Amino acid sequence: MASVHESLYFNPMMTNGVVHANVFGIKDWVTPYKIAVLVLLNEMSRTGEGAVSLMERRRLNQLLLPLLQGPDITLSKLYKLIEESCPQLANSVQIRIKLMAEGELKDMEQFFDDLSDSFSGTEPEVHKTSVVGLFLRHMILAYSKLSFSQVFKLYTALQQYFQNGEKKTVEDADMELTSRDEGERKMEKEELDVSVREEEVSCSGPLSQKQAEFFLSQQASLLKNDETKALTPASLQKELNNLLKFNPDFAEAHYLSYLNNLRVQDVFSSTHSLLHYFDRLILTGAESKSNGEEGYGRSLRYAALNLAALHCRFGHYQQAELALQEAIRIAQESNDHVCLQHCLSWLYVLGQKRSDSYVLLEHSVKKAVHFGLPYLASLGIQSLVQQRAFAGKTANKLMDALKDSDLLHWKHSLSELIDISIAQKTAIWRLYGRSTMALQQAQMLLSMNSLEAVNAGVQQNNTESFAVALCHLAELHAEQ
């Protein structure tokens, strides 16, 4: 039953897979990679519309946002991305960067002076308030603040960045000449090794604010929707530690660290990161700014609630009950009905073996419906159905209840609970000996694509519901 309530963990950091990071203090600065992106933008504005086809320009526009928001990448990888969208433009960018890197410092100075012309005229090439315009203005401002010694270091870094890219391009060309089949296998290994080394050189410093927000948003979304595509726990923790080294008060990085530690069942590190997240949230005043005077108390009660959920996950039921009592006390003082409903659901999870748990669950469902909390209401209905199935209720009544639950799912686009509901139906049909119906439900779940907007059209096969359906399917095949 606890698995049905696994999704009750309150995540104040994510909304539809998007991270709200607003306490990061590091601003944008100029790097060799960003100079290369600026060259790309400059070449796009200089290239006439007739020289680049509509499809190529569309692909370039789609490429821009990840380039502007993502972390710094190697020059060879950047060339490859541009070449896939527009080979002609990739060649122009390569020539411009080569002239700048092999020329003199004044060439880079002149390049930044010319960037300001993009905003001039009655019909400027770039609007100041657009995504590209804001990026250009940030880079121009950051460059103008550099001292002469810093400008010289930046130019030296640009030369090194260019040389690494050229070296990688030559290595790839040599491998293609030796043997195509053998070269492809070697290239994959070399590309991985070299890109990691180069990124460690070029990206050893802290990420900028936008890069950090994009990184956290991307990884949090992958952990929620497709964990197999996220960084490995060790790699992700290394990146998070690097973020926190430069800004220990980055609260959202602590929360992602908490989620990452849950992946490897590390209770000590999970608790440590969770407490740090709420401590930083209170200290920075981020909650108070967004929620008024209630922000401080809100952080405290949800900290206790998350701590209770964490202890319950690892089987520490006594500690979970103490933390839950604290969350209930603070929520009652603040008259927070939403938090109280979460607490009521966890009270049921902790007290399932008690005789009054059935009454507690029914009360939880009614309250969730009353306060307009479809997620909690649906989880409660699923738990009621499971409980009534073990009590021997007829299958038609259970299916009617699940039908009401499905209406909530589709009405409010609760895609995660749709999967849970189908897995629940599979288990009920098996419980009542209807193997054909159980087989049909299991196969339907296994063939479904993700209903998440950020993961649409992708088969999501790393969820608990998917694993449950596979187990039922294996047992059904074994019985035949």
Protein backbone atom coordinates (compact mmCIF):
# COMPACT_ATOMS: atom_id res chain seq x y z
CA MET A 1 0.00 0.00 0.00
CA ALA A 2 2.87 2.34 0.71
CA SER A 3 3.86 2.12 -2.94
CA VAL A 4 0.58 3.78 -3.91
CA HIS A 5 1.55 6.73 -1.73
CA GLU A 6 5.12 6.90 -3.03
CA SER A 7 4.19 10.04 -5.00
CA LEU A 8 3.14 11.93 -1.89
CA TYR A 9 6.61 13.36 -1.41
CA PHE A 10 6.14 17.12 -1.55
CA ASN A 11 8.53 18.66 -4.05
CA PRO A 12 8.48 22.45 -3.75
CA MET A 13 11.25 22.71 -6.29
CA MET A 14 9.51 21.22 -9.32
CA THR A 15 6.35 22.16 -11.19
CA ASN A 16 5.71 19.95 -14.21
CA GLY A 17 9.37 19.02 -14.23
CA VAL A 18 10.57 22.62 -14.13
CA VAL A 19 12.89 23.78 -11.38
CA HIS A 20 12.30 27.19 -9.84
CA ALA A 21 15.80 28.32 -8.87
CA ASN A 22 15.82 31.93 -7.69
CA VAL A 23 18.51 32.13 -5.05
CA PHE A 24 21.61 31.56 -7.17
CA GLY A 25 23.97 34.46 -6.81
CA ILE A 26 26.45 33.90 -9.64
CA LYS A 27 25.87 36.10 -12.71
CA ASP A 28 26.85 35.53 -16.33
CA TRP A 29 30.41 36.01 -17.52
CA VAL A 30 32.24 35.61 -20.82
CA THR A 31 33.87 32.27 -21.65
CA PRO A 32 35.48 31.00 -24.89
CA TYR A 33 32.40 28.87 -25.54
CA LYS A 34 30.11 31.90 -25.23
CA ILE A 35 32.33 33.84 -27.63
CA ALA A 36 31.82 30.99 -30.12
CA VAL A 37 28.04 31.23 -29.61
CA LEU A 38 28.25 35.01 -30.12
CA VAL A 39 30.09 34.39 -33.40
CA LEU A 40 27.28 32.02 -34.43
CA LEU A 41 24.64 34.66 -33.64
CA ASN A 42 26.62 37.30 -35.50
CA GLU A 43 26.97 35.09 -38.57
CA MET A 44 23.25 34.28 -38.50
CA SER A 45 22.41 37.98 -38.57
CA ARG A 46 24.93 38.69 -41.35
CA THR A 47 23.82 35.79 -43.56
CA GLY A 48 21.04 36.78 -45.94
CA GLU A 49 17.72 34.98 -45.87
CA GLY A 50 18.30 33.58 -49.35
CA ALA A 51 21.63 31.97 -48.37
CA VAL A 52 20.03 29.82 -45.65
CA SER A 53 16.93 27.77 -46.39
CA LEU A 54 13.81 28.07 -44.26
CA MET A 55 14.28 24.55 -42.86
CA GLU A 56 17.91 25.25 -41.93
CA ARG A 57 16.98 28.51 -40.21
CA ARG A 58 14.26 26.71 -38.29
CA ARG A 59 16.73 24.06 -37.12
CA LEU A 60 19.18 26.78 -36.08
CA ASN A 61 16.50 28.59 -34.08
CA GLN A 62 15.65 25.34 -32.27
CA LEU A 63 19.35 24.83 -31.53
CA LEU A 64 19.88 28.29 -30.04
CA LEU A 65 18.03 27.92 -26.73
CA PRO A 66 19.98 24.84 -25.52
CA LEU A 67 23.21 26.56 -26.59
CA LEU A 68 22.36 29.73 -24.66
CA GLN A 69 21.12 28.01 -21.50
CA GLY A 70 23.16 24.82 -21.40
CA PRO A 71 26.66 24.29 -19.99
CA ASP A 72 29.78 25.05 -22.01
CA ILE A 73 30.66 22.37 -24.56
CA THR A 74 33.77 21.71 -26.63
CA LEU A 75 34.35 23.57 -29.88
CA SER A 76 34.34 20.35 -31.92
CA LYS A 77 30.96 19.41 -30.48
CA LEU A 78 29.63 22.90 -31.21
CA TYR A 79 30.82 22.66 -34.83
CA LYS A 80 29.08 19.31 -35.15
CA LEU A 81 25.77 20.66 -33.82
CA ILE A 82 25.85 23.67 -36.17
CA GLU A 83 26.86 21.49 -39.12
CA GLU A 84 23.85 19.22 -38.56
CA SER A 85 21.59 22.26 -38.84
CA CYS A 86 23.39 24.30 -41.51
CA PRO A 87 26.78 23.14 -42.96
CA GLN A 88 27.40 26.46 -44.73
CA LEU A 89 27.04 28.44 -41.50
CA ALA A 90 29.26 25.99 -39.61
CA ASN A 91 32.06 26.70 -42.07
CA SER A 92 31.61 30.48 -41.66
CA VAL A 93 31.68 30.21 -37.86
CA GLN A 94 34.82 28.07 -38.00
CA ILE A 95 36.61 30.63 -40.19
CA ARG A 96 35.60 33.58 -37.97
CA ILE A 97 36.78 31.87 -34.78
CA LYS A 98 40.04 30.82 -36.46
CA LEU A 99 40.75 34.39 -37.61
CA MET A 100 40.06 35.71 -34.13
CA ALA A 101 42.10 33.06 -32.28
CA GLU A 102 45.08 33.21 -34.66
CA GLY A 103 44.98 36.99 -34.95
CA GLU A 104 45.55 39.55 -32.21
CA LEU A 105 43.82 40.70 -29.05
CA LYS A 106 42.42 43.73 -30.88
CA ASP A 107 40.40 41.39 -33.13
CA MET A 108 38.44 40.16 -30.12
CA GLU A 109 38.06 43.76 -28.90
CA GLN A 110 36.70 44.82 -32.29
CA PHE A 111 34.29 41.87 -32.32
CA PHE A 112 32.68 42.94 -29.04
CA ASP A 113 32.54 46.56 -30.21
CA ASP A 114 30.65 45.47 -33.32
CA LEU A 115 28.10 43.47 -31.29
CA SER A 116 26.43 46.67 -30.10
CA ASP A 117 25.50 47.49 -33.71
CA SER A 118 22.96 44.65 -33.61
CA PHE A 119 20.63 46.89 -31.57
CA SER A 120 21.08 50.06 -33.64
CA GLY A 121 18.82 51.40 -36.39
CA THR A 122 15.06 51.73 -36.77
CA GLU A 123 14.74 48.01 -37.51
CA PRO A 124 17.45 46.32 -35.40
CA GLU A 125 18.63 42.81 -36.20
CA VAL A 126 17.97 41.75 -32.59
CA HIS A 127 15.36 43.05 -30.17
CA LYS A 128 16.78 44.01 -26.78
CA THR A 129 14.10 42.12 -24.82
CA SER A 130 14.32 38.87 -26.81
CA VAL A 131 16.16 35.81 -25.51
CA VAL A 132 19.04 36.42 -27.92
CA GLY A 133 19.00 40.15 -27.17
CA LEU A 134 19.25 39.59 -23.42
CA PHE A 135 22.11 37.14 -23.94
CA LEU A 136 23.99 39.64 -26.13
CA ARG A 137 23.49 42.46 -23.63
CA HIS A 138 24.67 40.27 -20.73
CA MET A 139 27.81 39.31 -22.63
CA ILE A 140 28.58 42.90 -23.71
CA LEU A 141 28.10 44.12 -20.13
CA ALA A 142 30.20 41.30 -18.66
CA TYR A 143 33.00 41.94 -21.17
CA SER A 144 33.01 45.70 -20.52
CA LYS A 145 33.56 45.04 -16.80
CA LEU A 146 36.73 43.01 -17.39
CA SER A 147 40.10 44.53 -16.56
CA PHE A 148 42.94 44.42 -19.11
CA SER A 149 44.56 41.40 -17.43
CA GLN A 150 41.22 39.57 -17.43
CA VAL A 151 40.70 40.36 -21.12
CA PHE A 152 44.15 38.95 -21.87
CA LYS A 153 43.38 35.77 -19.90
CA LEU A 154 40.09 35.43 -21.79
CA TYR A 155 41.90 35.74 -25.13
CA THR A 156 44.48 33.15 -24.05
CA ALA A 157 41.64 30.82 -23.03
CA LEU A 158 39.98 31.39 -26.42
CA GLN A 159 43.20 30.39 -28.19
CA GLN A 160 43.47 27.23 -26.09
CA TYR A 161 39.78 26.46 -26.71
CA PHE A 162 40.33 26.82 -30.47
CA GLN A 163 43.49 24.67 -30.45
CA ASN A 164 41.71 21.87 -28.56
CA GLY A 165 38.89 21.97 -31.10
CA GLU A 166 41.29 21.89 -34.05
CA LYS A 167 43.20 18.99 -32.51
CA LYS A 168 40.01 17.01 -32.08
CA THR A 169 38.93 17.74 -35.68
CA VAL A 170 42.28 16.49 -37.04
CA GLU A 171 42.08 13.31 -34.95
CA ASP A 172 38.58 12.59 -36.26
CA ALA A 173 39.72 13.14 -39.86
CA ASP A 174 42.70 10.77 -39.42
CA MET A 175 40.50 8.05 -38.00
CA GLU A 176 38.07 8.32 -40.92
CA LEU A 177 40.92 7.86 -43.41
CA THR A 178 42.30 4.69 -41.78
CA SER A 179 39.18 2.57 -41.63
CA ARG A 180 35.52 3.55 -41.68
CA ASP A 181 34.16 0.66 -39.63
CA GLU A 182 37.03 0.46 -37.22
CA GLY A 183 37.29 4.23 -37.15
CA GLU A 184 33.66 4.67 -36.09
CA ARG A 185 34.17 2.48 -33.03
CA LYS A 186 37.38 4.25 -32.07
CA MET A 187 35.84 7.65 -32.70
CA GLU A 188 33.03 6.95 -30.25
CA LYS A 189 35.52 6.05 -27.54
CA GLU A 190 37.92 8.89 -28.37
CA GLU A 191 35.11 11.44 -28.65
CA LEU A 192 33.84 10.46 -25.23
CA ASP A 193 37.28 10.58 -23.62
CA VAL A 194 38.44 13.81 -25.28
CA SER A 195 35.15 15.63 -24.73
CA VAL A 196 35.21 14.80 -21.05
CA ARG A 197 38.80 16.00 -20.72
CA GLU A 198 38.15 19.19 -22.67
CA GLU A 199 34.98 19.98 -20.74
CA GLU A 200 36.87 19.51 -17.50
CA VAL A 201 39.39 22.09 -18.73
CA SER A 202 36.90 24.58 -20.16
CA CYS A 203 34.11 24.12 -17.61
CA SER A 204 36.10 23.64 -14.41
CA GLY A 205 34.75 26.91 -13.00
CA PRO A 206 31.26 27.47 -11.63
CA LEU A 207 28.23 27.56 -13.90
CA SER A 208 26.50 30.86 -14.42
CA GLN A 209 23.02 31.45 -13.01
CA LYS A 210 21.14 30.49 -16.17
CA GLN A 211 23.36 27.49 -16.81
CA ALA A 212 22.83 26.23 -13.26
CA GLU A 213 19.06 26.68 -13.51
CA PHE A 214 18.97 24.90 -16.86
CA PHE A 215 21.12 22.04 -15.54
CA LEU A 216 18.93 21.54 -12.47
CA SER A 217 15.74 21.79 -14.51
CA GLN A 218 16.99 19.21 -16.99
CA GLN A 219 18.22 16.72 -14.39
CA ALA A 220 15.12 17.08 -12.18
CA SER A 221 12.89 16.48 -15.19
CA LEU A 222 14.88 13.39 -16.18
CA LEU A 223 14.79 11.99 -12.64
CA LYS A 224 11.03 12.39 -12.66
CA ASN A 225 10.27 11.16 -16.19
CA ASP A 226 13.16 8.99 -17.40
CA GLU A 227 15.84 8.29 -14.82
CA THR A 228 17.91 6.21 -17.23
CA LYS A 229 18.75 9.34 -19.26
CA ALA A 230 19.83 11.37 -16.23
CA LEU A 231 23.44 11.51 -15.07
CA THR A 232 24.59 8.59 -12.95
CA PRO A 233 24.26 9.18 -9.17
CA ALA A 234 28.03 9.65 -8.77
CA SER A 235 28.34 12.05 -11.74
CA LEU A 236 25.31 14.07 -10.71
CA GLN A 237 26.53 14.36 -7.13
CA LYS A 238 29.92 15.53 -8.38
CA GLU A 239 28.27 18.29 -10.43
CA LEU A 240 26.06 19.31 -7.50
CA ASN A 241 29.04 19.43 -5.15
CA ASN A 242 30.77 21.70 -7.66
CA LEU A 243 27.74 24.01 -7.69
CA LEU A 244 27.54 24.08 -3.90
CA LYS A 245 31.27 24.71 -3.57
CA PHE A 246 30.85 28.09 -5.25
CA ASN A 247 27.46 28.86 -3.69
CA PRO A 248 26.60 26.84 -0.53
CA ASP A 249 23.27 28.69 -0.20
CA PHE A 250 21.92 27.36 -3.50
CA ALA A 251 18.87 25.68 -1.94
CA GLU A 252 17.58 23.89 -5.04
CA ALA A 253 20.94 22.15 -5.55
CA HIS A 254 20.56 20.69 -2.05
CA TYR A 255 17.10 19.40 -2.95
CA LEU A 256 18.32 17.75 -6.15
CA SER A 257 21.11 16.22 -4.07
CA TYR A 258 18.41 14.84 -1.76
CA LEU A 259 16.57 13.26 -4.72
CA ASN A 260 19.85 11.88 -6.07
CA ASN A 261 20.75 10.27 -2.75
CA LEU A 262 17.33 8.62 -2.64
CA ARG A 263 18.27 6.82 -5.86
CA VAL A 264 21.07 4.97 -4.07
CA GLN A 265 19.13 4.52 -0.79
CA ASP A 266 21.59 6.65 1.20
CA VAL A 267 19.52 7.63 4.22
CA PHE A 268 22.22 9.70 5.93
CA SER A 269 23.08 11.84 2.89
CA SER A 270 19.39 12.16 1.95
CA THR A 271 18.50 13.50 5.39
CA HIS A 272 21.51 15.81 5.36
CA SER A 273 20.61 17.30 1.95
CA LEU A 274 16.91 17.64 2.80
CA LEU A 275 17.60 19.55 6.01
CA HIS A 276 20.13 21.76 4.22
CA TYR A 277 17.55 22.55 1.54
CA PHE A 278 14.98 23.88 4.00
CA ASP A 279 17.65 25.62 6.09
CA ARG A 280 18.89 27.50 3.03
CA LEU A 281 15.35 28.25 1.91
CA ILE A 282 14.62 29.92 5.25
CA LEU A 283 17.98 31.70 5.53
CA THR A 284 17.82 33.21 2.05
CA GLY A 285 14.25 34.37 2.58
CA ALA A 286 13.20 32.88 -0.76
CA GLU A 287 10.02 31.45 0.71
CA SER A 288 9.15 34.66 2.53
CA LYS A 289 9.49 36.70 -0.65
CA SER A 290 7.22 34.40 -2.63
CA ASN A 291 4.68 33.60 0.07
CA GLY A 292 4.65 36.68 2.28
CA GLU A 293 4.92 36.30 6.03
CA GLU A 294 3.71 32.70 5.78
CA GLY A 295 6.87 31.64 3.95
CA TYR A 296 8.92 30.90 7.08
CA GLY A 297 6.24 28.69 8.67
CA ARG A 298 5.51 26.99 5.37
CA SER A 299 9.12 25.89 5.04
CA LEU A 300 9.11 24.48 8.58
CA ARG A 301 5.96 22.42 8.23
CA TYR A 302 6.90 21.01 4.83
CA ALA A 303 10.39 20.26 6.13
CA ALA A 304 8.83 18.13 8.88
CA LEU A 305 6.46 16.50 6.37
CA ASN A 306 9.28 15.61 3.97
CA LEU A 307 11.35 14.29 6.87
CA ALA A 308 8.43 12.05 7.89
CA ALA A 309 8.12 10.78 4.31
CA LEU A 310 11.85 10.10 4.19
CA HIS A 311 11.84 8.10 7.43
CA CYS A 312 8.77 6.17 6.28
CA ARG A 313 10.51 5.27 3.03
CA PHE A 314 13.43 3.72 4.92
CA GLY A 315 11.21 1.96 7.49
CA HIS A 316 11.93 4.29 10.43
CA TYR A 317 8.27 4.45 11.46
CA GLN A 318 8.76 5.82 14.97
CA GLN A 319 10.86 8.76 13.74
CA ALA A 320 8.38 9.27 10.89
CA GLU A 321 5.48 9.53 13.33
CA LEU A 322 7.31 12.09 15.46
CA ALA A 323 8.13 14.23 12.41
CA LEU A 324 4.53 13.91 11.20
CA GLN A 325 3.17 15.08 14.55
CA GLU A 326 5.42 18.14 14.32
CA ALA A 327 4.18 18.88 10.78
CA ILE A 328 0.55 18.56 11.92
CA ARG A 329 1.12 20.89 14.86
CA ILE A 330 2.69 23.63 12.70
CA ALA A 331 0.08 23.19 9.94
CA GLN A 332 -2.76 23.52 12.46
CA GLU A 333 -1.25 26.71 13.84
CA SER A 334 -1.06 28.14 10.31
CA ASN A 335 -4.45 26.73 9.23
CA ASP A 336 -2.81 25.07 6.21
CA HIS A 337 -5.42 22.57 4.98
CA VAL A 338 -3.29 21.33 2.07
CA CYS A 339 -0.41 20.38 4.36
CA LEU A 340 -2.86 18.77 6.79
CA GLN A 341 -4.26 16.63 3.98
CA HIS A 342 -0.76 15.43 3.10
CA CYS A 343 -0.23 14.64 6.78
CA LEU A 344 -3.53 12.74 6.94
CA SER A 345 -2.50 10.60 3.98
CA TRP A 346 0.80 9.77 5.63
CA LEU A 347 -1.00 8.98 8.89
CA TYR A 348 -2.90 6.32 6.99
CA VAL A 349 0.34 4.93 5.52
CA LEU A 350 1.87 4.69 9.00
CA GLY A 351 -1.25 3.19 10.59
CA GLN A 352 -2.45 0.74 7.93
CA LYS A 353 -2.51 -2.18 10.37
CA ARG A 354 -4.77 -0.36 12.81
CA SER A 355 -8.48 -1.21 12.84
CA ASP A 356 -9.53 2.42 12.24
CA SER A 357 -7.31 2.90 9.19
CA TYR A 358 -10.30 2.36 6.86
CA VAL A 359 -12.21 5.25 8.47
CA LEU A 360 -9.10 7.44 8.33
CA LEU A 361 -8.68 6.76 4.62
CA GLU A 362 -12.32 7.54 3.79
CA HIS A 363 -12.06 10.79 5.72
CA SER A 364 -8.88 11.65 3.81
CA VAL A 365 -10.57 11.13 0.43
CA LYS A 366 -13.58 13.27 1.38
CA LYS A 367 -11.38 16.09 2.64
CA ALA A 368 -9.16 15.96 -0.46
CA VAL A 369 -12.22 16.27 -2.72
CA HIS A 370 -13.57 19.11 -0.56
CA PHE A 371 -10.36 21.14 -0.79
CA GLY A 372 -9.87 20.43 -4.50
CA LEU A 373 -6.82 18.17 -4.25
CA PRO A 374 -7.36 15.62 -7.06
CA TYR A 375 -3.93 14.00 -6.69
CA LEU A 376 -4.48 13.12 -3.03
CA ALA A 377 -8.10 12.15 -3.67
CA SER A 378 -7.08 9.75 -6.42
CA LEU A 379 -4.34 8.16 -4.32
CA GLY A 380 -6.88 7.70 -1.53
CA ILE A 381 -9.37 6.02 -3.87
CA GLN A 382 -6.66 3.69 -5.16
CA SER A 383 -5.78 2.73 -1.58
CA LEU A 384 -9.46 2.18 -0.72
CA VAL A 385 -9.85 -0.11 -3.73
CA GLN A 386 -6.78 -2.09 -2.69
CA GLN A 387 -8.05 -2.41 0.86
CA ARG A 388 -11.53 -3.49 -0.25
CA ALA A 389 -10.06 -6.06 -2.64
CA PHE A 390 -8.25 -7.75 0.25
CA ALA A 391 -11.51 -7.59 2.23
CA GLY A 392 -13.29 -9.61 -0.49
CA LYS A 393 -15.53 -6.98 -2.07
CA THR A 394 -17.03 -7.76 -5.48
CA ALA A 395 -14.99 -6.86 -8.55
CA ASN A 396 -17.70 -4.70 -10.17
CA LYS A 397 -17.74 -2.29 -7.20
CA LEU A 398 -13.96 -2.02 -7.25
CA MET A 399 -13.94 -1.28 -10.98
CA ASP A 400 -16.62 1.39 -10.52
CA ALA A 401 -14.43 3.08 -7.92
CA LEU A 402 -11.42 2.93 -10.23
CA LYS A 403 -13.55 4.41 -13.01
CA ASP A 404 -14.23 7.45 -10.80
CA SER A 405 -10.52 7.66 -10.11
CA ASP A 406 -9.73 7.53 -13.84
CA LEU A 407 -12.10 10.43 -14.47
CA LEU A 408 -10.01 12.51 -12.06
CA HIS A 409 -6.81 11.43 -13.80
CA TRP A 410 -7.90 12.42 -17.29
CA LYS A 411 -9.65 15.60 -16.14
CA HIS A 412 -6.53 16.89 -14.37
CA SER A 413 -3.89 15.21 -16.61
CA LEU A 414 -2.45 13.12 -13.77
CA SER A 415 -0.42 10.89 -16.07
CA GLU A 416 1.57 9.20 -13.32
CA LEU A 417 -1.62 8.03 -11.60
CA ILE A 418 -3.02 6.68 -14.88
CA ASP A 419 -0.14 4.19 -14.91
CA ILE A 420 -0.76 3.28 -11.26
CA SER A 421 -4.47 2.76 -11.96
CA ILE A 422 -3.79 0.38 -14.86
CA ALA A 423 -1.32 -1.59 -12.71
CA GLN A 424 -3.96 -1.71 -9.98
CA LYS A 425 -6.54 -3.10 -12.42
CA THR A 426 -4.05 -5.76 -13.53
CA ALA A 427 -3.58 -6.87 -9.92
CA ILE A 428 -7.35 -6.92 -9.23
CA TRP A 429 -8.15 -9.01 -12.31
CA ARG A 430 -5.44 -11.49 -11.27
CA LEU A 431 -6.77 -11.56 -7.72
CA TYR A 432 -10.20 -12.54 -9.01
CA GLY A 433 -8.83 -15.14 -11.42
CA ARG A 434 -9.46 -13.28 -14.68
CA SER A 435 -6.11 -13.91 -16.35
CA THR A 436 -7.22 -12.73 -19.81
CA MET A 437 -8.29 -9.32 -18.51
CA ALA A 438 -5.15 -9.07 -16.37
CA LEU A 439 -3.03 -9.86 -19.44
CA GLN A 440 -4.83 -7.20 -21.48
CA GLN A 441 -4.32 -4.51 -18.81
CA ALA A 442 -0.64 -5.38 -18.33
CA GLN A 443 0.09 -5.27 -22.06
CA MET A 444 -1.77 -1.97 -22.41
CA LEU A 445 0.45 -0.40 -19.75
CA LEU A 446 3.63 -1.80 -21.31
CA SER A 447 2.73 -0.42 -24.74
CA MET A 448 1.77 3.06 -23.50
CA ASN A 449 3.95 6.06 -24.23
CA SER A 450 4.61 8.73 -21.64
CA LEU A 451 1.77 11.23 -21.27
CA GLU A 452 4.06 13.88 -19.82
CA ALA A 453 4.31 16.98 -22.01
CA VAL A 454 8.09 17.10 -21.51
CA ASN A 455 8.45 13.42 -22.44
CA ALA A 456 5.67 12.98 -24.99
CA GLY A 457 5.89 10.07 -27.40
CA VAL A 458 8.58 8.26 -25.40
CA GLN A 459 7.96 4.85 -23.86
CA GLN A 460 8.43 5.28 -20.14
CA ASN A 461 9.71 1.96 -18.82
CA ASN A 462 11.45 2.88 -15.57
CA THR A 463 8.42 3.46 -13.34
CA GLU A 464 7.19 1.27 -10.49
CA SER A 465 3.90 0.63 -12.33
CA PHE A 466 5.83 -0.67 -15.34
CA ALA A 467 7.80 -3.05 -13.11
CA VAL A 468 4.59 -4.30 -11.43
CA ALA A 469 3.01 -4.97 -14.84
CA LEU A 470 6.11 -6.91 -15.95
CA CYS A 471 5.96 -9.07 -12.81
CA HIS A 472 2.28 -9.86 -13.39
CA LEU A 473 2.97 -10.65 -17.03
CA ALA A 474 5.80 -13.02 -16.10
CA GLU A 475 3.58 -14.84 -13.59
CA LEU A 476 0.73 -15.08 -16.11
CA HIS A 477 3.06 -16.61 -18.72
CA ALA A 478 4.42 -19.03 -16.10
CA GLU A 479 0.88 -20.20 -15.25
CA GLN A 480 0.03 -20.97 -18.89
